[in-house]
PDB file of N, CA and C in Angstrom:
ATOM      1  N   MET A   1     155.165 191.709  22.380  1.00  0.00           N
ATOM      2  CA  MET A   1     155.708 190.035  22.803  1.00  0.00           C
ATOM      3  C   MET A   1     154.600 189.614  23.423  1.00  0.00           C
ATOM      4  N   ASN A   2     153.829 190.249  24.225  1.00  0.00           N
ATOM      5  CA  ASN A   2     152.792 189.867  25.042  1.00  0.00           C
ATOM      6  C   ASN A   2     151.702 189.242  23.999  1.00  0.00           C
ATOM      7  N   TYR A   3     151.323 189.403  23.039  1.00  0.00           N
ATOM      8  CA  TYR A   3     150.473 188.891  22.408  1.00  0.00           C
ATOM      9  C   TYR A   3     150.982 187.779  21.507  1.00  0.00           C
ATOM     10  N   LEU A   4     152.010 187.785  21.141  1.00  0.00           N
ATOM     11  CA  LEU A   4     152.559 186.416  20.819  1.00  0.00           C
ATOM     12  C   LEU A   4     152.762 185.268  21.762  1.00  0.00           C
ATOM     13  N   ILE A   5     152.904 185.808  23.169  1.00  0.00           N
ATOM     14  CA  ILE A   5     152.689 184.526  24.098  1.00  0.00           C
ATOM     15  C   ILE A   5     151.550 184.075  24.428  1.00  0.00           C
ATOM     16  N   VAL A   6     150.349 185.088  24.111  1.00  0.00           N
ATOM     17  CA  VAL A   6     149.029 184.775  24.248  1.00  0.00           C
ATOM     18  C   VAL A   6     148.560 184.102  23.277  1.00  0.00           C
ATOM     19  N   PHE A   7     149.115 184.484  22.002  1.00  0.00           N
ATOM     20  CA  PHE A   7     148.599 183.464  20.880  1.00  0.00           C
ATOM     21  C   PHE A   7     149.278 181.809  20.935  1.00  0.00           C
ATOM     22  N   LEU A   8     150.595 181.929  21.285  1.00  0.00           N
ATOM     23  CA  LEU A   8     150.929 180.882  21.294  1.00  0.00           C
ATOM     24  C   LEU A   8     150.294 179.697  22.535  1.00  0.00           C
ATOM     25  N   GLY A   9     149.947 180.460  23.538  1.00  0.00           N
ATOM     26  CA  GLY A   9     149.184 179.637  24.508  1.00  0.00           C
ATOM     27  C   GLY A   9     147.939 179.378  24.043  1.00  0.00           C
ATOM     28  N   ALA A  10     147.015 180.298  23.602  1.00  0.00           N
ATOM     29  CA  ALA A  10     145.658 180.117  23.061  1.00  0.00           C
ATOM     30  C   ALA A  10     145.645 178.773  22.042  1.00  0.00           C
ATOM     31  N   GLY A  11     146.735 178.677  20.937  1.00  0.00           N
ATOM     32  CA  GLY A  11     146.940 177.819  20.310  1.00  0.00           C
ATOM     33  C   GLY A  11     146.952 176.364  20.829  1.00  0.00           C
ATOM     34  N   LEU A  12     147.794 176.348  21.952  1.00  0.00           N
ATOM     35  CA  LEU A  12     147.846 175.228  22.635  1.00  0.00           C
ATOM     36  C   LEU A  12     146.379 174.787  23.021  1.00  0.00           C
ATOM     37  N   GLY A  13     145.756 175.842  23.847  1.00  0.00           N
ATOM     38  CA  GLY A  13     144.690 175.623  24.785  1.00  0.00           C
ATOM     39  C   GLY A  13     143.681 174.887  23.841  1.00  0.00           C
ATOM     40  N   GLY A  14     143.460 175.852  22.708  1.00  0.00           N
ATOM     41  CA  GLY A  14     142.410 175.174  21.926  1.00  0.00           C
ATOM     42  C   GLY A  14     142.839 173.812  21.329  1.00  0.00           C
ATOM     43  N   ALA A  15     143.999 173.624  20.970  1.00  0.00           N
ATOM     44  CA  ALA A  15     144.315 172.219  20.915  1.00  0.00           C
ATOM     45  C   ALA A  15     144.029 171.268  21.600  1.00  0.00           C
ATOM     46  N   PHE A  16     144.150 171.338  23.085  1.00  0.00           N
ATOM     47  CA  PHE A  16     143.542 170.513  24.322  1.00  0.00           C
ATOM     48  C   PHE A  16     142.149 170.370  24.394  1.00  0.00           C
ATOM     49  N   ARG A  17     141.625 171.627  24.217  1.00  0.00           N
ATOM     50  CA  ARG A  17     139.889 171.745  23.955  1.00  0.00           C
ATOM     51  C   ARG A  17     139.743 170.639  22.892  1.00  0.00           C
ATOM     52  N   LEU A  18     140.138 170.488  21.714  1.00  0.00           N
ATOM     53  CA  LEU A  18     139.625 169.821  20.586  1.00  0.00           C
ATOM     54  C   LEU A  18     139.620 168.447  21.176  1.00  0.00           C
ATOM     55  N   GLY A  19     140.943 168.224  21.592  1.00  0.00           N
ATOM     56  CA  GLY A  19     141.148 166.562  22.093  1.00  0.00           C
ATOM     57  C   GLY A  19     140.132 166.244  23.209  1.00  0.00           C
ATOM     58  N   VAL A  20     140.058 166.963  24.254  1.00  0.00           N
ATOM     59  CA  VAL A  20     138.814 166.780  25.431  1.00  0.00           C
ATOM     60  C   VAL A  20     137.301 166.828  24.659  1.00  0.00           C
ATOM     61  N   ASN A  21     137.055 167.605  23.749  1.00  0.00           N
ATOM     62  CA  ASN A  21     135.666 167.310  22.917  1.00  0.00           C
ATOM     63  C   ASN A  21     135.561 166.131  22.269  1.00  0.00           C
ATOM     64  N   GLN A  22     136.665 165.738  21.561  1.00  0.00           N
ATOM     65  CA  GLN A  22     136.664 164.530  20.550  1.00  0.00           C
ATOM     66  C   GLN A  22     136.626 163.282  21.754  1.00  0.00           C
ATOM     67  N   ALA A  23     137.318 163.130  22.734  1.00  0.00           N
ATOM     68  CA  ALA A  23     137.504 161.930  23.544  1.00  0.00           C
ATOM     69  C   ALA A  23     135.989 162.091  24.259  1.00  0.00           C
ATOM     70  N   ALA A  24     135.273 163.398  24.569  1.00  0.00           N
ATOM     71  CA  ALA A  24     133.737 163.229  25.228  1.00  0.00           C
ATOM     72  C   ALA A  24     132.697 162.644  24.184  1.00  0.00           C
ATOM     73  N   ALA A  25     133.214 163.016  22.896  1.00  0.00           N
ATOM     74  CA  ALA A  25     132.100 162.347  22.333  1.00  0.00           C
ATOM     75  C   ALA A  25     132.096 160.979  21.917  1.00  0.00           C
ATOM     76  N   ARG A  26     133.665 160.793  21.842  1.00  0.00           N
ATOM     77  CA  ARG A  26     133.545 159.072  21.593  1.00  0.00           C
ATOM     78  C   ARG A  26     133.174 158.500  22.632  1.00  0.00           C
ATOM     79  N   LEU A  27     133.328 159.005  23.746  1.00  0.00           N
ATOM     80  CA  LEU A  27     133.148 158.312  24.993  1.00  0.00           C
ATOM     81  C   LEU A  27     131.835 158.120  25.472  1.00  0.00           C
ATOM     82  N   LEU A  28     130.837 159.295  25.381  1.00  0.00           N
ATOM     83  CA  LEU A  28     129.715 159.607  25.841  1.00  0.00           C
ATOM     84  C   LEU A  28     128.676 160.332  24.908  1.00  0.00           C
ATOM     85  N   GLY A  29     129.039 160.328  23.771  1.00  0.00           N
ATOM     86  CA  GLY A  29     128.062 160.520  22.727  1.00  0.00           C
ATOM     87  C   GLY A  29     127.970 161.841  22.603  1.00  0.00           C
ATOM     88  N   LEU A  30     126.984 162.438  21.644  1.00  0.00           N
ATOM     89  CA  LEU A  30     127.004 163.746  21.245  1.00  0.00           C
ATOM     90  C   LEU A  30     125.480 164.681  21.794  1.00  0.00           C
ATOM     91  N   ALA A  31     124.670 163.671  22.619  1.00  0.00           N
ATOM     92  CA  ALA A  31     123.456 164.172  22.701  1.00  0.00           C
ATOM     93  C   ALA A  31     123.665 165.625  24.032  1.00  0.00           C
ATOM     94  N   PHE A  32     124.763 165.341  24.594  1.00  0.00           N
ATOM     95  CA  PHE A  32     124.974 166.406  25.469  1.00  0.00           C
ATOM     96  C   PHE A  32     126.219 166.741  25.416  1.00  0.00           C
ATOM     97  N   PRO A  33     126.327 168.444  25.964  1.00  0.00           N
ATOM     98  CA  PRO A  33     127.650 168.470  25.638  1.00  0.00           C
ATOM     99  C   PRO A  33     128.807 168.669  26.738  1.00  0.00           C
ATOM    100  N   PHE A  34     129.123 167.143  26.824  1.00  0.00           N
ATOM    101  CA  PHE A  34     130.117 166.961  28.083  1.00  0.00           C
ATOM    102  C   PHE A  34     131.471 167.376  27.951  1.00  0.00           C
ATOM    103  N   GLY A  35     131.881 167.391  26.732  1.00  0.00           N
ATOM    104  CA  GLY A  35     133.271 167.966  26.387  1.00  0.00           C
ATOM    105  C   GLY A  35     133.245 169.590  26.829  1.00  0.00           C
ATOM    106  N   THR A  36     132.243 170.517  26.476  1.00  0.00           N
ATOM    107  CA  THR A  36     132.366 171.493  27.049  1.00  0.00           C
ATOM    108  C   THR A  36     132.097 171.810  28.507  1.00  0.00           C
ATOM    109  N   LEU A  37     131.521 171.124  29.148  1.00  0.00           N
ATOM    110  CA  LEU A  37     131.297 171.129  30.462  1.00  0.00           C
ATOM    111  C   LEU A  37     132.545 170.532  30.994  1.00  0.00           C
ATOM    112  N   ALA A  38     132.972 169.784  30.654  1.00  0.00           N
ATOM    113  CA  ALA A  38     134.605 169.264  31.131  1.00  0.00           C
ATOM    114  C   ALA A  38     135.541 170.259  30.856  1.00  0.00           C
ATOM    115  N   VAL A  39     135.749 170.923  29.664  1.00  0.00           N
ATOM    116  CA  VAL A  39     136.947 172.085  29.879  1.00  0.00           C
ATOM    117  C   VAL A  39     136.448 173.005  30.631  1.00  0.00           C
ATOM    118  N   ASN A  40     135.090 173.506  30.648  1.00  0.00           N
ATOM    119  CA  ASN A  40     134.989 174.563  31.527  1.00  0.00           C
ATOM    120  C   ASN A  40     135.061 174.510  32.724  1.00  0.00           C
ATOM    121  N   THR A  41     134.773 172.977  33.530  1.00  0.00           N
ATOM    122  CA  THR A  41     135.049 172.850  34.966  1.00  0.00           C
ATOM    123  C   THR A  41     136.377 172.737  35.240  1.00  0.00           C
ATOM    124  N   VAL A  42     137.203 171.887  34.193  1.00  0.00           N
ATOM    125  CA  VAL A  42     138.539 171.770  34.610  1.00  0.00           C
ATOM    126  C   VAL A  42     139.062 173.002  34.294  1.00  0.00           C
ATOM    127  N   GLY A  43     138.778 174.018  33.462  1.00  0.00           N
ATOM    128  CA  GLY A  43     139.760 174.897  33.315  1.00  0.00           C
ATOM    129  C   GLY A  43     139.092 175.925  34.472  1.00  0.00           C
ATOM    130  N   SER A  44     138.302 175.890  35.261  1.00  0.00           N
ATOM    131  CA  SER A  44     137.922 176.972  36.507  1.00  0.00           C
ATOM    132  C   SER A  44     138.704 176.185  37.315  1.00  0.00           C
ATOM    133  N   LEU A  45     138.986 174.985  37.486  1.00  0.00           N
ATOM    134  CA  LEU A  45     139.885 174.221  38.427  1.00  0.00           C
ATOM    135  C   LEU A  45     141.438 174.896  38.340  1.00  0.00           C
ATOM    136  N   ILE A  46     141.665 174.731  37.158  1.00  0.00           N
ATOM    137  CA  ILE A  46     143.009 175.194  36.640  1.00  0.00           C
ATOM    138  C   ILE A  46     143.132 176.834  37.294  1.00  0.00           C
ATOM    139  N   MET A  47     142.397 177.667  36.754  1.00  0.00           N
ATOM    140  CA  MET A  47     142.531 179.046  37.281  1.00  0.00           C
ATOM    141  C   MET A  47     142.700 179.235  38.615  1.00  0.00           C
ATOM    142  N   GLY A  48     141.868 178.474  39.229  1.00  0.00           N
ATOM    143  CA  GLY A  48     141.961 178.606  40.725  1.00  0.00           C
ATOM    144  C   GLY A  48     143.223 178.169  41.402  1.00  0.00           C
ATOM    145  N   LEU A  49     143.892 176.801  40.882  1.00  0.00           N
ATOM    146  CA  LEU A  49     144.982 176.732  41.042  1.00  0.00           C
ATOM    147  C   LEU A  49     146.109 177.567  40.789  1.00  0.00           C
ATOM    148  N   LEU A  50     146.006 178.180  39.395  1.00  0.00           N
ATOM    149  CA  LEU A  50     147.215 178.872  39.195  1.00  0.00           C
ATOM    150  C   LEU A  50     146.852 180.628  39.812  1.00  0.00           C
ATOM    151  N   THR A  51     146.059 181.144  40.038  1.00  0.00           N
ATOM    152  CA  THR A  51     145.566 182.332  40.785  1.00  0.00           C
ATOM    153  C   THR A  51     146.285 182.245  42.010  1.00  0.00           C
ATOM    154  N   GLU A  52     146.100 181.251  42.682  1.00  0.00           N
ATOM    155  CA  GLU A  52     146.420 181.000  44.168  1.00  0.00           C
ATOM    156  C   GLU A  52     147.953 181.038  44.245  1.00  0.00           C
ATOM    157  N   TYR A  53     148.502 180.135  43.154  1.00  0.00           N
ATOM    158  CA  TYR A  53     149.533 179.674  43.420  1.00  0.00           C
ATOM    159  C   TYR A  53     150.500 181.081  42.916  1.00  0.00           C
ATOM    160  N   PHE A  54     149.841 182.055  41.782  1.00  0.00           N
ATOM    161  CA  PHE A  54     150.529 183.202  41.493  1.00  0.00           C
ATOM    162  C   PHE A  54     150.660 184.365  42.522  1.00  0.00           C
ATOM    163  N   VAL A  55     149.417 184.123  43.282  1.00  0.00           N
ATOM    164  CA  VAL A  55     149.489 184.826  44.763  1.00  0.00           C
ATOM    165  C   VAL A  55     150.641 184.894  45.761  1.00  0.00           C
ATOM    166  N   LEU A  56     150.863 183.720  45.850  1.00  0.00           N
ATOM    167  CA  LEU A  56     151.980 182.976  46.464  1.00  0.00           C
ATOM    168  C   LEU A  56     153.411 183.166  46.294  1.00  0.00           C
ATOM    169  N   ARG A  57     153.348 183.059  44.938  1.00  0.00           N
ATOM    170  CA  ARG A  57     154.886 183.069  44.260  1.00  0.00           C
ATOM    171  C   ARG A  57     155.136 184.072  43.304  1.00  0.00           C
ATOM    172  N   SER A  58     154.794 185.599  43.855  1.00  0.00           N
ATOM    173  CA  SER A  58     154.644 186.603  43.134  1.00  0.00           C
ATOM    174  C   SER A  58     155.830 186.937  42.301  1.00  0.00           C
ATOM    175  N   GLY A  59     156.898 186.437  42.265  1.00  0.00           N
ATOM    176  CA  GLY A  59     158.150 186.590  41.605  1.00  0.00           C
ATOM    177  C   GLY A  59     157.798 185.988  40.265  1.00  0.00           C
ATOM    178  N   LEU A  60     157.114 185.308  39.792  1.00  0.00           N
ATOM    179  CA  LEU A  60     156.828 184.833  38.584  1.00  0.00           C
ATOM    180  C   LEU A  60     156.600 186.076  37.503  1.00  0.00           C
ATOM    181  N   SER A  61     156.981 185.700  36.113  1.00  0.00           N
ATOM    182  CA  SER A  61     156.727 186.660  35.460  1.00  0.00           C
ATOM    183  C   SER A  61     155.476 186.891  34.909  1.00  0.00           C
ATOM    184  N   GLN A  62     155.341 188.021  34.491  1.00  0.00           N
ATOM    185  CA  GLN A  62     153.961 188.256  33.711  1.00  0.00           C
ATOM    186  C   GLN A  62     153.872 187.763  32.463  1.00  0.00           C
ATOM    187  N   GLU A  63     154.827 187.047  31.927  1.00  0.00           N
ATOM    188  CA  GLU A  63     154.629 186.496  30.389  1.00  0.00           C
ATOM    189  C   GLU A  63     154.336 185.304  30.916  1.00  0.00           C
ATOM    190  N   LEU A  64     154.841 184.770  32.059  1.00  0.00           N
ATOM    191  CA  LEU A  64     154.318 183.165  32.233  1.00  0.00           C
ATOM    192  C   LEU A  64     152.743 183.029  32.691  1.00  0.00           C
ATOM    193  N   ARG A  65     152.494 184.221  33.427  1.00  0.00           N
ATOM    194  CA  ARG A  65     150.948 184.127  33.838  1.00  0.00           C
ATOM    195  C   ARG A  65     150.155 184.590  32.382  1.00  0.00           C
ATOM    196  N   LEU A  66     150.671 185.223  31.600  1.00  0.00           N
ATOM    197  CA  LEU A  66     149.673 185.256  30.519  1.00  0.00           C
ATOM    198  C   LEU A  66     149.552 184.212  29.543  1.00  0.00           C
ATOM    199  N   PHE A  67     150.727 183.475  29.422  1.00  0.00           N
ATOM    200  CA  PHE A  67     151.046 182.422  28.464  1.00  0.00           C
ATOM    201  C   PHE A  67     149.868 181.420  29.447  1.00  0.00           C
ATOM    202  N   LEU A  68     149.942 181.122  30.755  1.00  0.00           N
ATOM    203  CA  LEU A  68     149.078 180.067  31.328  1.00  0.00           C
ATOM    204  C   LEU A  68     147.728 180.547  31.161  1.00  0.00           C
ATOM    205  N   THR A  69     147.358 181.767  31.784  1.00  0.00           N
ATOM    206  CA  THR A  69     146.087 182.240  32.096  1.00  0.00           C
ATOM    207  C   THR A  69     145.389 182.665  30.796  1.00  0.00           C
ATOM    208  N   THR A  70     145.646 183.731  30.455  1.00  0.00           N
ATOM    209  CA  THR A  70     144.813 184.380  28.995  1.00  0.00           C
ATOM    210  C   THR A  70     145.368 183.511  27.666  1.00  0.00           C
ATOM    211  N   GLY A  71     146.325 182.877  27.600  1.00  0.00           N
ATOM    212  CA  GLY A  71     146.678 181.877  26.517  1.00  0.00           C
ATOM    213  C   GLY A  71     145.864 180.651  26.393  1.00  0.00           C
ATOM    214  N   ILE A  72     146.722 179.652  27.742  1.00  0.00           N
ATOM    215  CA  ILE A  72     146.397 178.097  27.351  1.00  0.00           C
ATOM    216  C   ILE A  72     144.803 178.477  28.085  1.00  0.00           C
ATOM    217  N   LEU A  73     144.629 178.663  29.254  1.00  0.00           N
ATOM    218  CA  LEU A  73     143.181 178.547  29.645  1.00  0.00           C
ATOM    219  C   LEU A  73     142.133 179.316  28.763  1.00  0.00           C
ATOM    220  N   GLY A  74     142.451 180.715  28.493  1.00  0.00           N
ATOM    221  CA  GLY A  74     141.613 181.259  27.399  1.00  0.00           C
ATOM    222  C   GLY A  74     141.477 180.575  25.921  1.00  0.00           C
ATOM    223  N   GLY A  75     142.383 179.763  25.489  1.00  0.00           N
ATOM    224  CA  GLY A  75     142.020 178.968  24.424  1.00  0.00           C
ATOM    225  C   GLY A  75     141.241 177.722  24.652  1.00  0.00           C
ATOM    226  N   PHE A  76     141.393 177.256  25.928  1.00  0.00           N
ATOM    227  CA  PHE A  76     141.016 175.849  26.626  1.00  0.00           C
ATOM    228  C   PHE A  76     139.246 175.873  27.001  1.00  0.00           C
ATOM    229  N   THR A  77     139.081 177.312  27.853  1.00  0.00           N
ATOM    230  CA  THR A  77     137.620 177.255  28.177  1.00  0.00           C
ATOM    231  C   THR A  77     137.188 177.881  26.818  1.00  0.00           C
ATOM    232  N   THR A  78     135.515 177.537  27.094  1.00  0.00           N
ATOM    233  CA  THR A  78     134.775 177.575  25.834  1.00  0.00           C
ATOM    234  C   THR A  78     133.228 178.406  26.399  1.00  0.00           C
ATOM    235  N   PHE A  79     133.305 179.638  26.984  1.00  0.00           N
ATOM    236  CA  PHE A  79     132.084 180.398  27.415  1.00  0.00           C
ATOM    237  C   PHE A  79     131.084 180.320  26.466  1.00  0.00           C
ATOM    238  N   SER A  80     131.767 180.897  25.101  1.00  0.00           N
ATOM    239  CA  SER A  80     130.792 181.138  24.278  1.00  0.00           C
ATOM    240  C   SER A  80     130.430 179.716  23.416  1.00  0.00           C
ATOM    241  N   THR A  81     131.098 178.922  23.425  1.00  0.00           N
ATOM    242  CA  THR A  81     130.573 177.719  23.069  1.00  0.00           C
ATOM    243  C   THR A  81     129.585 177.106  23.939  1.00  0.00           C
ATOM    244  N   PHE A  82     129.943 177.151  25.459  1.00  0.00           N
ATOM    245  CA  PHE A  82     128.691 176.997  26.302  1.00  0.00           C
ATOM    246  C   PHE A  82     127.503 177.563  26.039  1.00  0.00           C
ATOM    247  N   SER A  83     127.428 178.848  25.442  1.00  0.00           N
ATOM    248  CA  SER A  83     126.217 179.423  25.498  1.00  0.00           C
ATOM    249  C   SER A  83     125.573 178.874  24.315  1.00  0.00           C
ATOM    250  N   LEU A  84     126.450 178.567  23.167  1.00  0.00           N
ATOM    251  CA  LEU A  84     125.697 177.984  22.041  1.00  0.00           C
ATOM    252  C   LEU A  84     125.004 176.478  22.498  1.00  0.00           C
ATOM    253  N   ASP A  85     125.968 175.682  23.097  1.00  0.00           N
ATOM    254  CA  ASP A  85     125.176 174.514  23.387  1.00  0.00           C
ATOM    255  C   ASP A  85     124.212 174.743  24.383  1.00  0.00           C
ATOM    256  N   ALA A  86     124.086 175.591  25.431  1.00  0.00           N
ATOM    257  CA  ALA A  86     122.981 175.727  26.316  1.00  0.00           C
ATOM    258  C   ALA A  86     121.569 176.063  25.062  1.00  0.00           C
ATOM    259  N   VAL A  87     121.769 177.048  24.498  1.00  0.00           N
ATOM    260  CA  VAL A  87     120.696 177.593  23.334  1.00  0.00           C
ATOM    261  C   VAL A  87     119.933 176.464  22.254  1.00  0.00           C
ATOM    262  N   ALA A  88     121.494 175.820  22.170  1.00  0.00           N
ATOM    263  CA  ALA A  88     121.264 174.748  21.005  1.00  0.00           C
ATOM    264  C   ALA A  88     120.314 173.673  21.692  1.00  0.00           C
ATOM    265  N   LEU A  89     120.153 172.881  22.715  1.00  0.00           N
ATOM    266  CA  LEU A  89     119.667 172.397  23.644  1.00  0.00           C
ATOM    267  C   LEU A  89     118.124 172.751  23.928  1.00  0.00           C
ATOM    268  N   TRP A  90     118.158 174.116  23.993  1.00  0.00           N
ATOM    269  CA  TRP A  90     116.725 174.553  24.114  1.00  0.00           C
ATOM    270  C   TRP A  90     116.064 174.640  22.936  1.00  0.00           C
ATOM    271  N   GLU A  91     116.707 175.101  21.691  1.00  0.00           N
ATOM    272  CA  GLU A  91     115.757 175.271  20.685  1.00  0.00           C
ATOM    273  C   GLU A  91     115.726 173.781  20.316  1.00  0.00           C
ATOM    274  N   ARG A  92     116.141 172.346  20.495  1.00  0.00           N
ATOM    275  CA  ARG A  92     115.781 171.535  20.427  1.00  0.00           C
ATOM    276  C   ARG A  92     114.758 170.874  20.939  1.00  0.00           C
ATOM    277  N   GLY A  93     114.261 171.589  21.648  1.00  0.00           N
ATOM    278  CA  GLY A  93     113.111 171.451  22.736  1.00  0.00           C
ATOM    279  C   GLY A  93     113.570 170.337  23.884  1.00  0.00           C
ATOM    280  N   GLN A  94     114.862 170.501  23.907  1.00  0.00           N
ATOM    281  CA  GLN A  94     115.204 169.630  25.235  1.00  0.00           C
ATOM    282  C   GLN A  94     115.799 170.765  26.422  1.00  0.00           C
ATOM    283  N   TRP A  95     114.647 171.413  26.648  1.00  0.00           N
ATOM    284  CA  TRP A  95     114.765 172.589  27.921  1.00  0.00           C
ATOM    285  C   TRP A  95     115.073 172.498  29.348  1.00  0.00           C
ATOM    286  N   VAL A  96     114.945 171.181  29.687  1.00  0.00           N
ATOM    287  CA  VAL A  96     115.285 170.306  30.963  1.00  0.00           C
ATOM    288  C   VAL A  96     116.658 170.091  30.895  1.00  0.00           C
ATOM    289  N   ALA A  97     117.210 169.544  29.900  1.00  0.00           N
ATOM    290  CA  ALA A  97     118.516 169.289  29.724  1.00  0.00           C
ATOM    291  C   ALA A  97     119.526 170.642  29.371  1.00  0.00           C
ATOM    292  N   SER A  98     118.982 171.643  29.138  1.00  0.00           N
ATOM    293  CA  SER A  98     119.611 172.900  28.903  1.00  0.00           C
ATOM    294  C   SER A  98     119.849 173.674  30.023  1.00  0.00           C
ATOM    295  N   LEU A  99     118.467 173.405  30.803  1.00  0.00           N
ATOM    296  CA  LEU A  99     118.490 173.978  32.440  1.00  0.00           C
ATOM    297  C   LEU A  99     119.438 173.150  33.340  1.00  0.00           C
ATOM    298  N   ILE A 100     119.493 171.985  33.227  1.00  0.00           N
ATOM    299  CA  ILE A 100     120.602 171.037  33.957  1.00  0.00           C
ATOM    300  C   ILE A 100     122.140 171.531  33.628  1.00  0.00           C
ATOM    301  N   TYR A 101     122.228 171.571  31.839  1.00  0.00           N
ATOM    302  CA  TYR A 101     123.592 172.132  31.588  1.00  0.00           C
ATOM    303  C   TYR A 101     124.095 173.281  32.148  1.00  0.00           C
ATOM    304  N   VAL A 102     123.041 174.311  32.367  1.00  0.00           N
ATOM    305  CA  VAL A 102     123.555 175.736  32.640  1.00  0.00           C
ATOM    306  C   VAL A 102     124.026 175.549  34.157  1.00  0.00           C
ATOM    307  N   ALA A 103     122.922 174.988  34.700  1.00  0.00           N
ATOM    308  CA  ALA A 103     123.218 174.688  36.227  1.00  0.00           C
ATOM    309  C   ALA A 103     124.462 173.862  36.582  1.00  0.00           C
ATOM    310  N   LEU A 104     124.564 172.965  36.013  1.00  0.00           N
ATOM    311  CA  LEU A 104     126.030 172.191  35.969  1.00  0.00           C
ATOM    312  C   LEU A 104     127.136 172.769  35.980  1.00  0.00           C
ATOM    313  N   SER A 105     127.065 173.597  34.818  1.00  0.00           N
ATOM    314  CA  SER A 105     128.308 174.303  34.133  1.00  0.00           C
ATOM    315  C   SER A 105     128.480 175.508  35.213  1.00  0.00           C
ATOM    316  N   LEU A 106     127.631 176.274  35.805  1.00  0.00           N
ATOM    317  CA  LEU A 106     127.859 177.311  36.713  1.00  0.00           C
ATOM    318  C   LEU A 106     128.359 176.535  37.943  1.00  0.00           C
ATOM    319  N   PHE A 107     127.487 175.661  38.519  1.00  0.00           N
ATOM    320  CA  PHE A 107     127.843 175.125  39.990  1.00  0.00           C
ATOM    321  C   PHE A 107     129.412 174.565  39.737  1.00  0.00           C
ATOM    322  N   LEU A 108     129.538 173.472  38.805  1.00  0.00           N
ATOM    323  CA  LEU A 108     131.222 172.561  38.930  1.00  0.00           C
ATOM    324  C   LEU A 108     132.269 173.775  38.868  1.00  0.00           C
ATOM    325  N   SER A 109     131.887 174.756  37.612  1.00  0.00           N
ATOM    326  CA  SER A 109     132.933 175.644  37.453  1.00  0.00           C
ATOM    327  C   SER A 109     133.412 176.614  38.630  1.00  0.00           C
ATOM    328  N   LEU A 110     132.489 177.068  39.204  1.00  0.00           N
ATOM    329  CA  LEU A 110     132.604 177.824  40.648  1.00  0.00           C
ATOM    330  C   LEU A 110     133.436 177.181  41.555  1.00  0.00           C
ATOM    331  N   ALA A 111     132.788 175.657  41.739  1.00  0.00           N
ATOM    332  CA  ALA A 111     133.139 174.887  42.845  1.00  0.00           C
ATOM    333  C   ALA A 111     134.754 174.329  42.338  1.00  0.00           C
ATOM    334  N   ALA A 112     135.155 174.408  41.118  1.00  0.00           N
ATOM    335  CA  ALA A 112     136.229 173.818  40.985  1.00  0.00           C
ATOM    336  C   ALA A 112     137.009 174.634  41.161  1.00  0.00           C
ATOM    337  N   LEU A 113     136.923 176.248  40.970  1.00  0.00           N
ATOM    338  CA  LEU A 113     137.758 177.298  40.934  1.00  0.00           C
ATOM    339  C   LEU A 113     137.976 176.994  42.690  1.00  0.00           C
ATOM    340  N   VAL A 114     137.104 177.285  43.687  1.00  0.00           N
ATOM    341  CA  VAL A 114     137.213 176.979  44.941  1.00  0.00           C
ATOM    342  C   VAL A 114     138.178 175.952  45.381  1.00  0.00           C
ATOM    343  N   VAL A 115     137.888 174.756  44.841  1.00  0.00           N
ATOM    344  CA  VAL A 115     138.934 173.651  44.935  1.00  0.00           C
ATOM    345  C   VAL A 115     140.327 174.110  44.710  1.00  0.00           C
ATOM    346  N   GLY A 116     140.288 174.762  43.528  1.00  0.00           N
ATOM    347  CA  GLY A 116     141.802 174.930  42.991  1.00  0.00           C
ATOM    348  C   GLY A 116     142.321 175.936  44.078  1.00  0.00           C
ATOM    349  N   LEU A 117     141.853 177.095  44.729  1.00  0.00           N
ATOM    350  CA  LEU A 117     142.078 177.996  45.375  1.00  0.00           C
ATOM    351  C   LEU A 117     142.660 177.184  47.012  1.00  0.00           C
ATOM    352  N   THR A 118     141.901 176.237  47.319  1.00  0.00           N
ATOM    353  CA  THR A 118     141.967 175.435  48.623  1.00  0.00           C
ATOM    354  C   THR A 118     142.861 174.875  48.652  1.00  0.00           C
ATOM    355  N   ILE A 119     143.223 174.152  47.372  1.00  0.00           N
ATOM    356  CA  ILE A 119     144.141 173.197  47.340  1.00  0.00           C
ATOM    357  C   ILE A 119     145.555 174.094  47.534  1.00  0.00           C
ATOM    358  N   ILE A 120     145.835 175.152  46.938  1.00  0.00           N
ATOM    359  CA  ILE A 120     147.209 175.766  46.675  1.00  0.00           C
ATOM    360  C   ILE A 120     147.197 176.110  48.257  1.00  0.00           C
ATOM    361  N   ARG A 121     146.082 176.650  48.487  1.00  0.00           N
ATOM    362  CA  ARG A 121     146.429 177.441  50.142  1.00  0.00           C
ATOM    363  C   ARG A 121     146.561 176.431  51.477  1.00  0.00           C
ATOM    364  N   LEU A 122     146.064 175.215  51.018  1.00  0.00           N
ATOM    365  CA  LEU A 122     146.461 173.962  51.811  1.00  0.00           C
ATOM    366  C   LEU A 122     147.994 173.344  51.900  1.00  0.00           C
ATOM    367  N   LEU A 123     148.014 173.558  50.787  1.00  0.00           N
ATOM    368  CA  LEU A 123     149.710 173.233  50.279  1.00  0.00           C
ATOM    369  C   LEU A 123     150.686 174.208  50.999  1.00  0.00           C
ATOM    370  N   ALA A 124     150.344 175.534  50.525  1.00  0.00           N
ATOM    371  CA  ALA A 124     150.878 176.449  51.123  1.00  0.00           C
ATOM    372  C   ALA A 124     151.179 176.556  52.799  1.00  0.00           C
ATOM    373  N   GLN A 125     150.091 176.383  53.234  1.00  0.00           N
ATOM    374  CA  GLN A 125     150.012 176.344  55.073  1.00  0.00           C
ATOM    375  C   GLN A 125     150.852 175.031  55.569  1.00  0.00           C
ATOM    376  N   GLY A 126     150.840 174.161  54.708  1.00  0.00           N
ATOM    377  CA  GLY A 126     151.921 172.949  54.758  1.00  0.00           C
ATOM    378  C   GLY A 126     153.244 173.215  54.868  1.00  0.00           C
ATOM    379  N   GLN A 127     153.799 173.853  53.960  1.00  0.00           N
ATOM    380  CA  GLN A 127     154.918 174.234  53.858  1.00  0.00           C
ATOM    381  C   GLN A 127     155.279 175.617  54.874  1.00  0.00           C
ATOM    382  N   THR A 128     154.381 176.012  55.393  1.00  0.00           N
ATOM    383  CA  THR A 128     154.836 177.015  56.595  1.00  0.00           C
ATOM    384  C   THR A 128     154.644 176.265  58.135  1.00  0.00           C
ATOM    385  N   ALA A 129     153.942 175.226  57.946  1.00  0.00           N
ATOM    386  CA  ALA A 129     154.036 174.438  59.162  1.00  0.00           C
ATOM    387  C   ALA A 129     155.307 174.131  59.620  1.00  0.00           C
TER     388      ALA A 129
END
């Protein structure tokens, strides 16, 4: 049953990723992988929010946790695509853009995860005050 839950979530996450990539391409062009950068940053934020929420609400089912994290977020975020985008920029001779992309991806994704954790912690503190 867990495999089915993850499978369904990953399908939704992949569809969301496609939508973000198409929107980014239309709005910002294809010269830089803005879509992949966006999904990895937003995915990290959501992972931070969900992880801290799960810690505070330990009564949530394992199935729901799998659906949201391994399923939806696993299908939505794109580390393998990130790697391909970084190497493609490098191989096209855009090594500065490649390095900026790698640095931004790492920094923004880590920062977004910390923001997600912090938001839920602050909200939880507000509930106990």
